Structure formats: C-alpha cells, structure tokens
Amino acid sequence: MFEYKNRLQYPVRIKNPNPAYAKIIISQLGGPDGELAASTRYLSQRFTMPYSRVVGILTDVGVEELGHVEMVSAILYQLTKNLSVEEIKKSGFDTYFVDHTAGIYPVAASGVPFRADYIGVKGDVFADLNEDLAADAAMMKAR
C-alpha cells in the first residue's frame, strides 16, 4: 500500500510556457529511459524478488519514481499551459497536440508512445538488477 500526500515533494512553478522545452522533456516522462518506465520496472520486479530486503528497496524506489512521474507531468503541464496555435506550430510540438492537445501523454521526444518493451522484467535476480543498473545509467546520461 502507498501513502499519497496531495502535494509535490518539490513544487513546480514555471511562469512562462515553452513548448520547445516540453518537446524535449516529454521523453523524461514516456521515453525508453523515462520515469514511467523506471517506476513500472521496479514495481513489477518486486513481485518475483526472493529477498525481502530487496523487495522493500524495489518498492521504495518504484514509488519514488512515481513521484518523479508526477513532477515531470507538472512541468509538462506548466510548459504547455495556455499556448496559442502559433506558439504550438512554431515550436514543432504541433504533432503531439494533434492527438493529445494539452493532455499529458507519455511519449518519447521522437513521438513514439510509451511501450512496455522499455522495461526489463525477467524474474531472475541478477538479470533484473542488471537491467535496473543499465536503465539508471542511461537515465543519468540523458540528464
């Protein structure tokens, strides 16, 4: 069970919308190394982990990643809030808006929707932890 607090751990206060930044940051939400993939990976791997201490760590990290999903989504919302049609077209974010308008939809910056094959879950302790390390390293490179 998770405990939810109705506030962001780090409040997001963006004053000026910027669809060009949103176009880049969207990968941090739904890209192959994004927060949605990370949270899903950890929370799925915990069920077959034979070591209770590691189950606890995977759960904690997965929940933390869900918090990152929330923060990135808040950033995206504020970067795209109240944009004019001209601003959307000029930024190149218009292809996203055709399908999702101002909704927060998990896609990569390339426009590829979030896919389950972004997450590695094998049920093998070493394979899963190796996947976690590789994914976190890729995420750190992207930042």
C-alpha atoms as a PDB file:
ATOM      1  CA  MET A   1       0.000   0.000   0.000  1.00  0.00           C
ATOM      2  CA  PHE A   2       1.207   3.513  -0.795  1.00  0.00           C
ATOM      3  CA  GLU A   3       0.584   6.677   1.135  1.00  0.00           C
ATOM      4  CA  TYR A   4      -0.162   9.667  -1.079  1.00  0.00           C
ATOM      5  CA  LYS A   5       0.295  13.258   0.005  1.00  0.00           C
ATOM      6  CA  ASN A   6      -1.572  15.753  -2.111  1.00  0.00           C
ATOM      7  CA  ARG A   7       1.462  17.940  -2.855  1.00  0.00           C
ATOM      8  CA  LEU A   8       4.628  17.704  -4.869  1.00  0.00           C
ATOM      9  CA  GLN A   9       7.799  16.979  -2.939  1.00  0.00           C
ATOM     10  CA  TYR A  10       9.430  19.785  -4.926  1.00  0.00           C
ATOM     11  CA  PRO A  11       6.851  22.343  -6.104  1.00  0.00           C
ATOM     12  CA  VAL A  12       6.967  23.236  -9.797  1.00  0.00           C
ATOM     13  CA  ARG A  13       6.419  26.899 -10.621  1.00  0.00           C
ATOM     14  CA  ILE A  14       7.036  27.692 -14.274  1.00  0.00           C
ATOM     15  CA  LYS A  15       5.949  31.215 -15.183  1.00  0.00           C
ATOM     16  CA  ASN A  16       6.466  31.174 -18.965  1.00  0.00           C
ATOM     17  CA  PRO A  17       5.125  28.358 -21.134  1.00  0.00           C
ATOM     18  CA  ASN A  18       7.680  26.903 -23.535  1.00  0.00           C
ATOM     19  CA  PRO A  19       6.549  24.131 -25.899  1.00  0.00           C
ATOM     20  CA  ALA A  20      10.102  23.704 -27.246  1.00  0.00           C
ATOM     21  CA  TYR A  21      11.285  22.679 -23.758  1.00  0.00           C
ATOM     22  CA  ALA A  22       8.216  20.473 -23.341  1.00  0.00           C
ATOM     23  CA  LYS A  23       9.095  18.705 -26.585  1.00  0.00           C
ATOM     24  CA  ILE A  24      12.433  17.710 -25.035  1.00  0.00           C
ATOM     25  CA  ILE A  25      11.237  16.961 -21.510  1.00  0.00           C
ATOM     26  CA  ILE A  26       8.412  14.687 -22.691  1.00  0.00           C
ATOM     27  CA  SER A  27      10.982  11.868 -23.074  1.00  0.00           C
ATOM     28  CA  GLN A  28      11.678  12.056 -19.355  1.00  0.00           C
ATOM     29  CA  LEU A  29       8.057  11.002 -18.868  1.00  0.00           C
ATOM     30  CA  GLY A  30       7.386   8.413 -21.560  1.00  0.00           C
ATOM     31  CA  GLY A  31      10.671   7.717 -23.309  1.00  0.00           C
ATOM     32  CA  PRO A  32      12.638   4.462 -23.043  1.00  0.00           C
ATOM     33  CA  ASP A  33      14.660   5.823 -20.110  1.00  0.00           C
ATOM     34  CA  GLY A  34      11.837   7.890 -18.625  1.00  0.00           C
ATOM     35  CA  GLU A  35      10.204   7.875 -15.220  1.00  0.00           C
ATOM     36  CA  LEU A  36       7.161   5.824 -16.247  1.00  0.00           C
ATOM     37  CA  ALA A  37       9.418   3.003 -17.448  1.00  0.00           C
ATOM     38  CA  ALA A  38      11.503   3.208 -14.284  1.00  0.00           C
ATOM     39  CA  SER A  39       8.540   3.061 -11.901  1.00  0.00           C
ATOM     40  CA  THR A  40       6.922   0.212 -13.817  1.00  0.00           C
ATOM     41  CA  ARG A  41      10.207  -1.717 -13.942  1.00  0.00           C
ATOM     42  CA  TYR A  42      10.875  -1.551 -10.191  1.00  0.00           C
ATOM     43  CA  LEU A  43       7.287  -2.184  -9.113  1.00  0.00           C
ATOM     44  CA  SER A  44       6.992  -5.182 -11.453  1.00  0.00           C
ATOM     45  CA  GLN A  45      10.310  -6.742 -10.477  1.00  0.00           C
ATOM     46  CA  ARG A  46       9.480  -6.694  -6.775  1.00  0.00           C
ATOM     47  CA  PHE A  47       6.917  -9.478  -7.088  1.00  0.00           C
ATOM     48  CA  THR A  48       9.418 -12.188  -8.044  1.00  0.00           C
ATOM     49  CA  MET A  49      12.319 -10.970  -5.913  1.00  0.00           C
ATOM     50  CA  PRO A  50      13.167 -13.746  -3.409  1.00  0.00           C
ATOM     51  CA  TYR A  51      14.872 -11.438  -0.894  1.00  0.00           C
ATOM     52  CA  SER A  52      12.570  -9.389   1.327  1.00  0.00           C
ATOM     53  CA  ARG A  53      15.101  -6.595   1.840  1.00  0.00           C
ATOM     54  CA  VAL A  54      15.452  -6.171  -1.914  1.00  0.00           C
ATOM     55  CA  VAL A  55      11.653  -6.283  -2.328  1.00  0.00           C
ATOM     56  CA  GLY A  56      11.477  -3.341   0.057  1.00  0.00           C
ATOM     57  CA  ILE A  57      14.144  -1.439  -1.877  1.00  0.00           C
ATOM     58  CA  LEU A  58      12.452  -2.098  -5.236  1.00  0.00           C
ATOM     59  CA  THR A  59       9.130  -0.941  -3.785  1.00  0.00           C
ATOM     60  CA  ASP A  60      10.630   2.212  -2.301  1.00  0.00           C
ATOM     61  CA  VAL A  61      12.471   3.097  -5.495  1.00  0.00           C
ATOM     62  CA  GLY A  62       9.404   2.350  -7.640  1.00  0.00           C
ATOM     63  CA  VAL A  63       7.252   4.644  -5.514  1.00  0.00           C
ATOM     64  CA  GLU A  64       9.940   7.348  -5.676  1.00  0.00           C
ATOM     65  CA  GLU A  65       9.894   7.032  -9.473  1.00  0.00           C
ATOM     66  CA  LEU A  66       6.109   7.526  -9.422  1.00  0.00           C
ATOM     67  CA  GLY A  67       6.786  10.800  -7.631  1.00  0.00           C
ATOM     68  CA  HIS A  68       9.107  11.713 -10.499  1.00  0.00           C
ATOM     69  CA  VAL A  69       6.297  10.926 -12.975  1.00  0.00           C
ATOM     70  CA  GLU A  70       4.154  13.394 -11.071  1.00  0.00           C
ATOM     71  CA  MET A  71       6.808  16.132 -11.078  1.00  0.00           C
ATOM     72  CA  VAL A  72       7.657  15.710 -14.778  1.00  0.00           C
ATOM     73  CA  SER A  73       3.942  15.781 -15.609  1.00  0.00           C
ATOM     74  CA  ALA A  74       3.531  19.012 -13.629  1.00  0.00           C
ATOM     75  CA  ILE A  75       6.471  20.520 -15.533  1.00  0.00           C
ATOM     76  CA  LEU A  76       4.981  19.483 -18.881  1.00  0.00           C
ATOM     77  CA  TYR A  77       1.584  20.877 -17.972  1.00  0.00           C
ATOM     78  CA  GLN A  78       3.028  24.222 -16.983  1.00  0.00           C
ATOM     79  CA  LEU A  79       5.246  24.415 -20.073  1.00  0.00           C
ATOM     80  CA  THR A  80       2.234  23.868 -22.355  1.00  0.00           C
ATOM     81  CA  LYS A  81      -0.467  25.734 -20.470  1.00  0.00           C
ATOM     82  CA  ASN A  82      -2.450  28.353 -22.466  1.00  0.00           C
ATOM     83  CA  LEU A  83      -0.352  28.163 -25.630  1.00  0.00           C
ATOM     84  CA  SER A  84      -1.563  29.811 -28.811  1.00  0.00           C
ATOM     85  CA  VAL A  85      -1.837  27.829 -32.039  1.00  0.00           C
ATOM     86  CA  GLU A  86       1.057  29.865 -33.447  1.00  0.00           C
ATOM     87  CA  GLU A  87       3.308  29.009 -30.487  1.00  0.00           C
ATOM     88  CA  ILE A  88       2.483  25.327 -30.834  1.00  0.00           C
ATOM     89  CA  LYS A  89       3.235  25.269 -34.568  1.00  0.00           C
ATOM     90  CA  LYS A  90       6.423  27.341 -34.251  1.00  0.00           C
ATOM     91  CA  SER A  91       7.850  25.008 -31.583  1.00  0.00           C
ATOM     92  CA  GLY A  92       7.300  21.814 -33.587  1.00  0.00           C
ATOM     93  CA  PHE A  93       5.119  20.420 -30.825  1.00  0.00           C
ATOM     94  CA  ASP A  94       2.062  20.523 -33.094  1.00  0.00           C
ATOM     95  CA  THR A  95       2.213  16.797 -33.966  1.00  0.00           C
ATOM     96  CA  TYR A  96       1.768  15.975 -30.279  1.00  0.00           C
ATOM     97  CA  PHE A  97      -1.107  18.453 -29.911  1.00  0.00           C
ATOM     98  CA  VAL A  98      -2.989  16.939 -32.860  1.00  0.00           C
ATOM     99  CA  ASP A  99      -3.601  13.780 -30.844  1.00  0.00           C
ATOM    100  CA  HIS A 100      -3.400  14.925 -27.239  1.00  0.00           C
ATOM    101  CA  THR A 101      -3.999  18.699 -27.155  1.00  0.00           C
ATOM    102  CA  ALA A 102      -2.701  19.823 -23.745  1.00  0.00           C
ATOM    103  CA  GLY A 103      -3.106  16.404 -22.136  1.00  0.00           C
ATOM    104  CA  ILE A 104      -0.059  14.790 -20.581  1.00  0.00           C
ATOM    105  CA  TYR A 105       0.543  11.645 -22.617  1.00  0.00           C
ATOM    106  CA  PRO A 106       3.681   9.512 -22.170  1.00  0.00           C
ATOM    107  CA  VAL A 107       5.698   9.604 -25.368  1.00  0.00           C
ATOM    108  CA  ALA A 108       9.358   9.917 -26.305  1.00  0.00           C
ATOM    109  CA  ALA A 109      10.588  13.164 -27.843  1.00  0.00           C
ATOM    110  CA  SER A 110      10.600  11.292 -31.161  1.00  0.00           C
ATOM    111  CA  GLY A 111       6.820  10.896 -30.872  1.00  0.00           C
ATOM    112  CA  VAL A 112       6.916   7.155 -30.136  1.00  0.00           C
ATOM    113  CA  PRO A 113       4.299   6.342 -27.450  1.00  0.00           C
ATOM    114  CA  PHE A 114       5.378   4.671 -24.217  1.00  0.00           C
ATOM    115  CA  ARG A 115       5.885   0.951 -24.786  1.00  0.00           C
ATOM    116  CA  ALA A 116       6.100  -1.928 -22.356  1.00  0.00           C
ATOM    117  CA  ASP A 117       9.249  -3.221 -24.020  1.00  0.00           C
ATOM    118  CA  TYR A 118      11.068  -0.286 -22.394  1.00  0.00           C
ATOM    119  CA  ILE A 119      11.023  -2.234 -19.139  1.00  0.00           C
ATOM    120  CA  GLY A 120      13.042  -5.328 -18.380  1.00  0.00           C
ATOM    121  CA  VAL A 121      11.452  -7.851 -16.058  1.00  0.00           C
ATOM    122  CA  LYS A 122      12.862 -11.391 -16.221  1.00  0.00           C
ATOM    123  CA  GLY A 123      12.170 -12.817 -12.784  1.00  0.00           C
ATOM    124  CA  ASP A 124      15.870 -13.533 -12.361  1.00  0.00           C
ATOM    125  CA  VAL A 125      17.586 -11.612  -9.554  1.00  0.00           C
ATOM    126  CA  PHE A 126      20.785 -10.892 -11.481  1.00  0.00           C
ATOM    127  CA  ALA A 127      19.094 -10.087 -14.794  1.00  0.00           C
ATOM    128  CA  ASP A 128      16.595  -7.721 -13.161  1.00  0.00           C
ATOM    129  CA  LEU A 129      19.161  -5.879 -11.040  1.00  0.00           C
ATOM    130  CA  ASN A 130      21.465  -5.605 -14.072  1.00  0.00           C
ATOM    131  CA  GLU A 131      18.567  -4.111 -16.020  1.00  0.00           C
ATOM    132  CA  ASP A 132      17.975  -1.598 -13.236  1.00  0.00           C
ATOM    133  CA  LEU A 133      21.622  -0.527 -13.221  1.00  0.00           C
ATOM    134  CA  ALA A 134      21.741  -0.193 -17.006  1.00  0.00           C
ATOM    135  CA  ALA A 135      18.492   1.775 -17.149  1.00  0.00           C
ATOM    136  CA  ASP A 136      19.542   4.134 -14.371  1.00  0.00           C
ATOM    137  CA  ALA A 137      22.906   4.709 -16.066  1.00  0.00           C
ATOM    138  CA  ALA A 138      21.133   5.557 -19.329  1.00  0.00           C
ATOM    139  CA  MET A 139      18.769   7.891 -17.486  1.00  0.00           C
ATOM    140  CA  MET A 140      21.697   9.694 -15.868  1.00  0.00           C
ATOM    141  CA  LYS A 141      23.349  10.155 -19.282  1.00  0.00           C
ATOM    142  CA  ALA A 142      20.119  11.657 -20.644  1.00  0.00           C
ATOM    143  CA  ARG A 143      20.022  14.264 -17.904  1.00  0.00           C
END
